[in-house]
Amino acid sequence: MVAFNFRKQLVLQDDQVKGLLNETQDGILEIASSLNQIALLQGTLLSGVFLSATASLVSHNLGFVARGFILVDKTSSVDVYRDTSLSNPNDRKFIALRTDAGSATVSLWIF
C-alpha cells in the first residue's frame, strides 16, 4: 500500500502566497454565493408554535415573503397548511398557518 503525504510542506514566495490566498478566497466567495441562492437555506427554525384548525399568523421575521415551510416536529397527528383566507397585513414578517383538525405544538423550518 502506498501512503500519500497530503500535508506536504510548501515553500512559497510572498507573491505565491498572496496568489494562493486570493485564489482560495475567490473559491470560498463563489461557494458562498452559490449557497445564498438556495432558498431552503435562507430560513429560520421556529419551535413551540401552537396551531389549531383556526388560522393564525406566525411571526417568522425573515424580511421577505416565506416561500414555504417544513414541519420538523409535532405533538399530535395533524397536517399543517398555509391558510390564504386569513388577511396577512405583513407577509414579510408573518405566515398564516392552520392545522387540518385539532391542535398541536409544532416546530417549523420556514424559508
Protein backbone atom coordinates (compact mmCIF):
# COMPACT_ATOMS: atom_id res chain seq x y z
CA MET A 1 0.00 0.00 0.00
CA VAL A 2 1.30 3.44 -0.90
CA ALA A 3 0.90 6.19 1.69
CA PHE A 4 0.36 9.71 0.49
CA ASN A 5 1.54 12.73 2.40
CA PHE A 6 -1.22 15.31 1.93
CA ARG A 7 0.42 17.67 4.42
CA LYS A 8 3.41 18.28 2.22
CA GLN A 9 5.38 21.32 3.28
CA LEU A 10 5.37 24.04 0.63
CA VAL A 11 7.98 26.73 0.44
CA LEU A 12 6.39 29.69 -1.27
CA GLN A 13 7.50 33.19 -2.03
CA ASP A 14 5.38 36.13 -0.79
CA ASP A 15 3.80 36.66 -4.22
CA GLN A 16 2.95 32.97 -4.47
CA VAL A 17 1.36 33.02 -1.01
CA LYS A 18 -0.71 36.08 -1.91
CA GLY A 19 -1.80 34.45 -5.16
CA LEU A 20 -2.76 31.22 -3.40
CA LEU A 21 -4.72 33.11 -0.73
CA ASN A 22 -6.54 35.17 -3.37
CA GLU A 23 -7.49 32.01 -5.29
CA THR A 24 -8.72 30.41 -2.07
CA GLN A 25 -10.78 33.47 -1.14
CA ASP A 26 -12.27 33.62 -4.64
CA GLY A 27 -13.26 29.96 -4.37
CA ILE A 28 -14.86 30.47 -0.97
CA LEU A 29 -16.80 33.51 -2.22
CA GLU A 30 -18.06 31.51 -5.21
CA ILE A 31 -19.28 28.70 -2.95
CA ALA A 32 -20.90 31.13 -0.50
CA SER A 33 -22.64 32.92 -3.36
CA SER A 34 -23.99 29.60 -4.65
CA LEU A 35 -25.27 28.68 -1.17
CA ASN A 36 -27.03 32.05 -0.86
CA GLN A 37 -29.06 31.17 -3.96
CA ILE A 38 -30.60 28.09 -2.29
CA ALA A 39 -33.95 29.22 -0.87
CA LEU A 40 -34.19 26.36 1.61
CA LEU A 41 -31.03 27.53 3.40
CA GLN A 42 -32.37 31.07 3.86
CA GLY A 43 -34.72 30.13 6.67
CA THR A 44 -35.31 30.02 10.37
CA LEU A 45 -36.37 27.33 12.83
CA LEU A 46 -39.45 28.14 14.89
CA SER A 47 -40.07 25.87 17.88
CA GLY A 48 -43.03 25.62 20.23
CA VAL A 49 -45.58 27.11 17.83
CA PHE A 50 -49.17 26.32 18.87
CA LEU A 51 -51.51 25.80 15.92
CA SER A 52 -55.16 24.82 15.66
CA ALA A 53 -57.78 24.40 12.94
CA THR A 54 -58.33 28.16 13.15
CA ALA A 55 -55.74 30.05 11.13
CA SER A 56 -53.22 32.15 12.99
CA LEU A 57 -50.40 34.47 11.98
CA VAL A 58 -47.00 33.08 12.91
CA SER A 59 -44.10 35.53 13.08
CA HIS A 60 -41.07 34.40 11.06
CA ASN A 61 -39.13 37.71 10.74
CA LEU A 62 -37.40 36.59 7.53
CA GLY A 63 -37.65 40.03 5.98
CA PHE A 64 -39.12 38.52 2.81
CA VAL A 65 -42.25 36.56 1.92
CA ALA A 66 -41.84 32.96 3.10
CA ARG A 67 -41.50 30.58 0.17
CA GLY A 68 -42.56 27.57 2.20
CA PHE A 69 -42.10 25.60 5.38
CA ILE A 70 -41.10 22.13 6.53
CA LEU A 71 -42.79 20.56 9.53
CA VAL A 72 -39.90 19.43 11.74
CA ASP A 73 -41.79 18.17 14.81
CA LYS A 74 -45.36 17.97 16.11
CA THR A 75 -47.08 16.86 19.31
CA SER A 76 -50.09 15.22 17.65
CA SER A 77 -51.19 13.71 14.38
CA VAL A 78 -52.13 16.78 12.33
CA ASP A 79 -51.27 18.22 8.97
CA VAL A 80 -50.23 21.88 8.77
CA TYR A 81 -51.33 24.13 5.92
CA ARG A 82 -50.72 27.68 4.78
CA ASP A 83 -54.03 29.49 5.08
CA THR A 84 -54.69 32.01 2.31
CA SER A 85 -58.11 33.05 3.62
CA LEU A 86 -56.68 34.94 6.62
CA SER A 87 -55.74 38.56 5.97
CA ASN A 88 -51.98 38.98 6.40
CA PRO A 89 -51.01 42.67 6.59
CA ASN A 90 -47.27 41.94 6.60
CA ASP A 91 -46.34 38.75 4.77
CA ARG A 92 -42.65 39.71 5.00
CA LYS A 93 -42.92 39.08 8.76
CA PHE A 94 -45.81 36.64 9.21
CA ILE A 95 -47.15 33.47 7.64
CA ALA A 96 -50.76 32.32 8.12
CA LEU A 97 -50.91 28.67 9.20
CA ARG A 98 -53.51 26.23 10.48
CA THR A 99 -53.94 22.51 11.09
CA ASP A 100 -56.38 20.22 9.30
CA ALA A 101 -58.18 19.37 12.56
CA GLY A 102 -57.38 19.58 16.23
CA SER A 103 -54.37 21.35 17.64
CA ALA A 104 -50.68 20.74 18.10
CA THR A 105 -47.47 22.39 19.15
CA VAL A 106 -45.09 22.25 16.22
CA SER A 107 -41.58 23.11 15.12
CA LEU A 108 -41.22 24.52 11.60
CA TRP A 109 -38.36 25.39 9.31
CA ILE A 110 -39.66 28.44 7.44
CA PHE A 111 -37.81 29.60 4.35
